[in-house]
Amino acid sequence: MKSFIKSAATAALLASTVSAVPVKRQAAITDADILQYALTLEHLENVFYKGAVSTMSQEDFVNAGFTADYYNNLKYISHDEEAHVEALTAGLIAAGASPVAACEYKFPYTDPMSFVALASVLEGVGTAAYLGAAPSITSKTYLGIAGSILVTEALHTAVQRFNLGEVAPANPYGSSLGLNEVYTLAAAFITSCPSTNAPLPVKAFPGLTATQGIPTSEGIPFTFSVGDAMVPGDFFVTFVSGLSTTSVAPTVSGSTISALVPATAMGQTYVLLTSTNTTAIADSDVLFGPAIIEVTPPSPTFDVSEQ
């Protein structure tokens, strides 16, 4: 049941392809741009968690199969997200920039179970966003702030995954997503933003939808759709998971695109259609996506003789 709910949560990420976030022409990314981008994501998470703790009680979560300890952790996570908003806001003011304000959002959860499933997905995306943006930050001070928030977002991810019955450390490494990939996912929840918000140097890619249930496993054919959009004659289904980016030749039948899940995919995995067989995705490679799937990791192996 939890897997079914998470499938619905991931599908909802690309339910809307219309962006309400002001965007500006792609240009060289500055530290201020990255802080505004991070603040936009933190506002989203802050509102998301506060909406849950203000409308659903501990009893609601316990009745849904979660524990009182989980609900207590949920309140701490809400506190963390507010702190992240405050820290990034202060950093932007110190840099002489006007911080973006919170937008209006629509989150497709209706009960504790669907909330936790969506929280798990959002936290994974947030962690990947900070990891992907880090190499572009030039200020050591800002990089330290981003790194500190990244650690906390990863802890949040582990809390949500564990409470869904998933392997929390499903991949030895964290996944990284570029600004436009994250924006494509986050924009699905944003209905409108204040006109005074600074435009972000991002763009949304055309949507890719996973069309079968999760979790899946290595070697299983997984299907995707781009709806009524046209795909070129030659393209690849590219899986981003941990430090690995793996392109797989697709099988196309009508509007259904299928590809075998590679051995490199473990845990929350991001899937894009790319124009090239690549091990490092550039924006110019991306045709559609990302979609999000959950891949059950193989049984752990280790050598106890190694010290």
Protein backbone atom coordinates (compact mmCIF):
# COMPACT_ATOMS: atom_id res chain seq x y z
CA MET A 1 0.00 0.00 0.00
CA LYS A 2 2.82 2.41 0.89
CA SER A 3 4.49 1.68 -2.46
CA PHE A 4 1.25 2.43 -4.28
CA ILE A 5 0.87 5.73 -2.45
CA LYS A 6 4.45 6.70 -3.29
CA SER A 7 3.80 5.87 -6.96
CA ALA A 8 0.93 8.37 -6.89
CA ALA A 9 3.14 10.94 -5.18
CA THR A 10 5.85 10.71 -7.81
CA ALA A 11 3.31 10.90 -10.62
CA ALA A 12 1.92 14.08 -9.07
CA LEU A 13 5.29 15.77 -9.38
CA LEU A 14 4.75 16.21 -13.11
CA ALA A 15 0.99 16.64 -13.08
CA SER A 16 1.47 20.27 -14.08
CA THR A 17 3.94 21.60 -16.61
CA VAL A 18 2.89 25.25 -16.25
CA SER A 19 5.33 27.30 -14.22
CA ALA A 20 4.28 30.06 -11.86
CA VAL A 21 7.84 30.98 -10.88
CA PRO A 22 9.32 34.03 -12.63
CA VAL A 23 12.28 32.99 -14.77
CA LYS A 24 14.95 34.94 -16.57
CA ARG A 25 17.10 34.20 -19.58
CA GLN A 26 19.77 31.62 -18.86
CA ALA A 27 23.04 33.35 -18.01
CA ALA A 28 26.05 32.85 -15.81
CA ILE A 29 24.81 31.67 -12.41
CA THR A 30 25.82 33.84 -9.45
CA ASP A 31 25.95 32.95 -5.77
CA ALA A 32 22.92 35.19 -5.21
CA ASP A 33 21.01 33.27 -7.90
CA ILE A 34 21.78 29.99 -6.15
CA LEU A 35 20.69 31.35 -2.76
CA GLN A 36 17.43 32.62 -4.28
CA TYR A 37 16.91 29.21 -5.90
CA ALA A 38 17.60 27.45 -2.58
CA LEU A 39 15.27 29.82 -0.73
CA THR A 40 12.53 29.10 -3.28
CA LEU A 41 12.85 25.38 -2.47
CA GLU A 42 13.02 25.96 1.28
CA HIS A 43 9.88 28.11 1.21
CA LEU A 44 8.12 25.22 -0.53
CA GLU A 45 9.25 22.68 2.08
CA ASN A 46 8.48 25.05 4.95
CA VAL A 47 4.89 25.53 3.81
CA PHE A 48 4.56 21.82 3.02
CA TYR A 49 5.52 20.66 6.53
CA LYS A 50 3.67 23.39 8.39
CA GLY A 51 0.54 22.50 6.46
CA ALA A 52 0.81 18.91 7.67
CA VAL A 53 1.50 19.59 11.36
CA SER A 54 -1.23 22.24 11.47
CA THR A 55 -3.96 20.12 9.87
CA MET A 56 -3.11 16.55 10.98
CA SER A 57 -2.59 15.44 14.58
CA GLN A 58 -0.32 12.88 16.16
CA GLU A 59 -3.38 10.68 16.52
CA ASP A 60 -4.02 10.92 12.77
CA PHE A 61 -0.52 9.66 12.04
CA VAL A 62 -0.68 6.89 14.65
CA ASN A 63 -4.00 5.72 13.24
CA ALA A 64 -2.36 5.60 9.80
CA GLY A 65 0.34 3.23 11.08
CA PHE A 66 3.09 5.67 12.04
CA THR A 67 4.47 6.22 15.54
CA ALA A 68 4.32 9.06 17.99
CA ASP A 69 8.10 9.31 17.62
CA TYR A 70 7.66 9.86 13.89
CA TYR A 71 5.23 12.71 14.53
CA ASN A 72 7.71 14.25 16.96
CA ASN A 73 10.40 14.04 14.26
CA LEU A 74 7.97 15.67 11.86
CA LYS A 75 7.72 18.70 14.14
CA TYR A 76 11.52 18.92 14.29
CA ILE A 77 11.70 18.76 10.50
CA SER A 78 9.19 21.59 10.25
CA HIS A 79 11.36 23.58 12.65
CA ASP A 80 14.43 22.85 10.49
CA GLU A 81 12.77 24.05 7.30
CA GLU A 82 11.79 27.33 8.95
CA ALA A 83 15.39 27.74 10.14
CA HIS A 84 16.65 27.15 6.59
CA VAL A 85 14.34 29.88 5.28
CA GLU A 86 15.62 32.28 7.92
CA ALA A 87 19.30 31.47 7.25
CA LEU A 88 19.03 31.88 3.48
CA THR A 89 16.98 35.06 3.87
CA ALA A 90 19.65 36.53 6.13
CA GLY A 91 22.38 35.50 3.71
CA LEU A 92 20.67 37.23 0.79
CA ILE A 93 20.06 40.41 2.78
CA ALA A 94 23.73 40.43 3.80
CA ALA A 95 24.65 40.11 0.13
CA GLY A 96 22.49 43.10 -0.74
CA ALA A 97 19.77 41.10 -2.49
CA SER A 98 16.03 41.12 -1.91
CA PRO A 99 15.03 37.59 -0.82
CA VAL A 100 12.21 35.88 -2.69
CA ALA A 101 9.00 35.46 -0.72
CA ALA A 102 6.97 32.29 -0.38
CA CYS A 103 4.65 31.40 -3.25
CA GLU A 104 1.23 29.79 -3.30
CA TYR A 105 1.34 25.98 -3.48
CA LYS A 106 -0.85 22.98 -4.10
CA PHE A 107 0.31 19.69 -2.62
CA PRO A 108 -1.51 16.50 -3.62
CA TYR A 109 -1.72 14.77 -0.24
CA THR A 110 -4.99 13.98 1.49
CA ASP A 111 -3.96 11.99 4.57
CA PRO A 112 -0.87 11.04 6.61
CA MET A 113 0.13 8.19 4.31
CA SER A 114 0.09 10.26 1.12
CA PHE A 115 1.83 13.10 2.97
CA VAL A 116 4.76 10.89 4.09
CA ALA A 117 5.10 9.39 0.60
CA LEU A 118 5.30 12.86 -0.93
CA ALA A 119 7.64 14.07 1.83
CA SER A 120 10.06 11.27 1.01
CA VAL A 121 10.14 12.27 -2.66
CA LEU A 122 10.50 16.00 -1.91
CA GLU A 123 13.32 15.48 0.57
CA GLY A 124 15.21 13.36 -1.94
CA VAL A 125 14.83 16.08 -4.56
CA GLY A 126 15.92 18.75 -2.07
CA THR A 127 19.05 16.82 -1.15
CA ALA A 128 19.90 16.31 -4.83
CA ALA A 129 19.33 20.02 -5.48
CA TYR A 130 21.90 21.14 -2.90
CA LEU A 131 24.43 18.57 -4.08
CA GLY A 132 23.95 19.64 -7.69
CA ALA A 133 24.26 23.36 -6.95
CA ALA A 134 27.29 23.12 -4.65
CA PRO A 135 29.99 23.10 -7.39
CA SER A 136 28.67 26.42 -8.74
CA ILE A 137 28.97 28.27 -5.41
CA THR A 138 32.08 30.44 -5.30
CA SER A 139 31.82 31.83 -1.76
CA LYS A 140 33.22 29.51 0.90
CA THR A 141 30.78 31.01 3.40
CA TYR A 142 27.76 30.25 1.23
CA LEU A 143 29.14 26.83 0.36
CA GLY A 144 29.41 26.07 4.07
CA ILE A 145 25.79 27.11 4.62
CA ALA A 146 24.61 25.00 1.69
CA GLY A 147 26.63 22.01 2.86
CA SER A 148 25.19 22.27 6.36
CA ILE A 149 21.63 22.38 5.01
CA LEU A 150 22.41 19.47 2.67
CA VAL A 151 23.34 17.27 5.64
CA THR A 152 20.06 18.08 7.38
CA GLU A 153 18.00 17.47 4.24
CA ALA A 154 19.67 14.06 3.89
CA LEU A 155 18.68 13.27 7.49
CA HIS A 156 15.11 14.26 6.67
CA THR A 157 15.19 11.96 3.65
CA ALA A 158 16.33 9.05 5.81
CA VAL A 159 13.53 9.67 8.33
CA GLN A 160 10.86 9.62 5.63
CA ARG A 161 12.26 6.61 3.77
CA PHE A 162 12.61 4.55 6.96
CA ASN A 163 9.05 5.30 7.99
CA LEU A 164 7.78 4.18 4.58
CA GLY A 165 9.49 0.84 5.07
CA GLU A 166 12.16 1.60 2.47
CA VAL A 167 15.90 1.13 2.84
CA ALA A 168 17.01 4.56 4.07
CA PRO A 169 20.64 4.28 2.79
CA ALA A 170 19.61 2.62 -0.48
CA ASN A 171 22.60 4.02 -2.37
CA PRO A 172 26.16 4.45 -1.05
CA TYR A 173 26.18 7.93 -2.63
CA GLY A 174 23.85 10.88 -2.95
CA SER A 175 22.28 11.81 -6.27
CA SER A 176 22.86 15.19 -7.87
CA LEU A 177 20.43 17.19 -10.00
CA GLY A 178 20.98 20.39 -11.96
CA LEU A 179 19.00 23.59 -11.36
CA ASN A 180 16.69 23.04 -14.34
CA GLU A 181 16.01 19.41 -13.44
CA VAL A 182 14.99 20.38 -9.91
CA TYR A 183 12.96 23.32 -11.13
CA THR A 184 11.05 21.04 -13.52
CA LEU A 185 9.99 18.93 -10.53
CA ALA A 186 9.32 21.71 -8.01
CA ALA A 187 7.28 23.88 -10.36
CA ALA A 188 4.50 21.28 -10.39
CA PHE A 189 3.52 22.37 -6.86
CA ILE A 190 3.70 26.16 -7.36
CA THR A 191 0.49 27.85 -8.43
CA SER A 192 1.58 31.50 -8.21
CA CYS A 193 4.38 33.67 -6.84
CA PRO A 194 4.59 37.33 -5.80
CA SER A 195 5.35 39.56 -8.78
CA THR A 196 8.08 41.18 -6.70
CA ASN A 197 10.12 37.97 -6.50
CA ALA A 198 13.40 38.07 -8.37
CA PRO A 199 13.28 35.89 -11.51
CA LEU A 200 15.30 32.69 -11.32
CA PRO A 201 17.82 31.68 -14.01
CA VAL A 202 16.05 28.39 -14.69
CA LYS A 203 13.81 26.69 -17.22
CA ALA A 204 11.49 23.71 -17.10
CA PHE A 205 12.03 20.71 -19.35
CA PRO A 206 9.07 18.92 -20.96
CA GLY A 207 7.53 16.40 -18.59
CA LEU A 208 8.24 12.68 -18.46
CA THR A 209 5.82 10.41 -16.59
CA ALA A 210 6.55 7.01 -15.06
CA THR A 211 3.60 4.82 -16.04
CA GLN A 212 3.96 1.76 -13.83
CA GLY A 213 4.04 1.11 -10.10
CA ILE A 214 7.05 1.26 -7.84
CA PRO A 215 9.28 -0.02 -6.39
CA THR A 216 11.03 -1.74 -9.26
CA SER A 217 14.33 -3.63 -9.48
CA GLU A 218 17.43 -4.02 -11.61
CA GLY A 219 16.75 -5.62 -14.98
CA ILE A 220 13.00 -4.96 -14.93
CA PRO A 221 11.54 -3.13 -17.96
CA PHE A 222 10.09 0.18 -16.79
CA THR A 223 7.68 2.24 -18.84
CA PHE A 224 7.39 5.99 -19.36
CA SER A 225 5.29 8.39 -21.40
CA VAL A 226 5.65 11.91 -22.77
CA GLY A 227 1.94 12.16 -23.47
CA ASP A 228 1.13 13.67 -26.84
CA ALA A 229 4.62 15.09 -27.34
CA MET A 230 6.89 13.81 -30.08
CA VAL A 231 10.23 12.16 -29.36
CA PRO A 232 13.07 12.05 -31.90
CA GLY A 233 14.01 8.88 -33.69
CA ASP A 234 17.19 8.45 -31.68
CA PHE A 235 17.28 9.00 -27.93
CA PHE A 236 18.20 7.29 -24.68
CA VAL A 237 16.54 6.69 -21.33
CA THR A 238 19.08 7.97 -18.82
CA PHE A 239 19.02 6.97 -15.15
CA VAL A 240 20.65 9.21 -12.51
CA SER A 241 21.32 7.49 -9.20
CA GLY A 242 24.11 8.26 -6.74
CA LEU A 243 27.33 8.95 -8.62
CA SER A 244 26.15 7.00 -11.67
CA THR A 245 24.50 8.30 -14.82
CA THR A 246 23.56 5.42 -17.10
CA SER A 247 21.95 5.67 -20.53
CA VAL A 248 19.86 2.76 -21.82
CA ALA A 249 18.56 2.20 -25.34
CA PRO A 250 14.74 2.34 -25.28
CA THR A 251 12.01 0.23 -26.77
CA VAL A 252 9.12 2.28 -28.13
CA SER A 253 5.61 0.92 -28.68
CA GLY A 254 3.09 3.58 -29.60
CA SER A 255 3.22 6.21 -26.85
CA THR A 256 4.96 3.86 -24.40
CA ILE A 257 8.70 4.10 -23.86
CA SER A 258 10.36 1.18 -22.08
CA ALA A 259 13.88 0.66 -20.75
CA LEU A 260 15.55 -1.91 -18.52
CA VAL A 261 16.44 -0.59 -15.07
CA PRO A 262 20.26 -0.66 -14.87
CA ALA A 263 22.25 -2.14 -11.99
CA THR A 264 23.48 1.35 -11.12
CA ALA A 265 19.97 2.50 -10.12
CA MET A 266 19.28 2.15 -6.39
CA GLY A 267 16.76 3.98 -4.24
CA GLN A 268 15.17 7.22 -5.46
CA THR A 269 16.29 7.45 -9.07
CA TYR A 270 15.80 10.22 -11.62
CA VAL A 271 15.06 9.33 -15.23
CA LEU A 272 15.39 11.58 -18.26
CA LEU A 273 15.15 11.17 -22.00
CA THR A 274 18.40 12.43 -23.48
CA SER A 275 19.66 12.97 -26.99
CA THR A 276 22.97 11.26 -26.24
CA ASN A 277 24.35 8.19 -24.51
CA THR A 278 25.93 10.05 -21.61
CA THR A 279 27.58 9.57 -18.24
CA ALA A 280 27.25 13.24 -17.29
CA ILE A 281 24.05 15.05 -18.22
CA ALA A 282 24.22 18.55 -19.69
CA ASP A 283 21.09 20.65 -20.12
CA SER A 284 21.57 20.49 -23.87
CA ASP A 285 21.21 16.69 -23.68
CA VAL A 286 17.79 16.72 -21.99
CA LEU A 287 14.69 16.10 -24.07
CA PHE A 288 12.18 15.23 -21.33
CA GLY A 289 12.15 14.73 -17.58
CA PRO A 290 13.07 13.99 -14.99
CA ALA A 291 10.63 11.38 -13.78
CA ILE A 292 11.20 9.76 -10.39
CA ILE A 293 11.16 6.04 -9.67
CA GLU A 294 12.06 3.95 -6.62
CA VAL A 295 14.45 1.05 -7.21
CA THR A 296 14.90 -1.64 -4.57
CA PRO A 297 18.64 -1.99 -3.87
CA PRO A 298 20.30 -5.41 -3.99
CA SER A 299 21.15 -7.16 -0.74
CA PRO A 300 24.18 -5.56 0.90
CA THR A 301 27.56 -7.23 0.58
CA PHE A 302 30.73 -6.53 2.55
CA ASP A 303 33.99 -8.20 3.43
CA VAL A 304 34.44 -8.51 7.19
CA SER A 305 38.14 -9.30 6.68
CA GLU A 306 38.78 -5.78 5.41
CA GLN A 307 39.80 -3.34 8.14
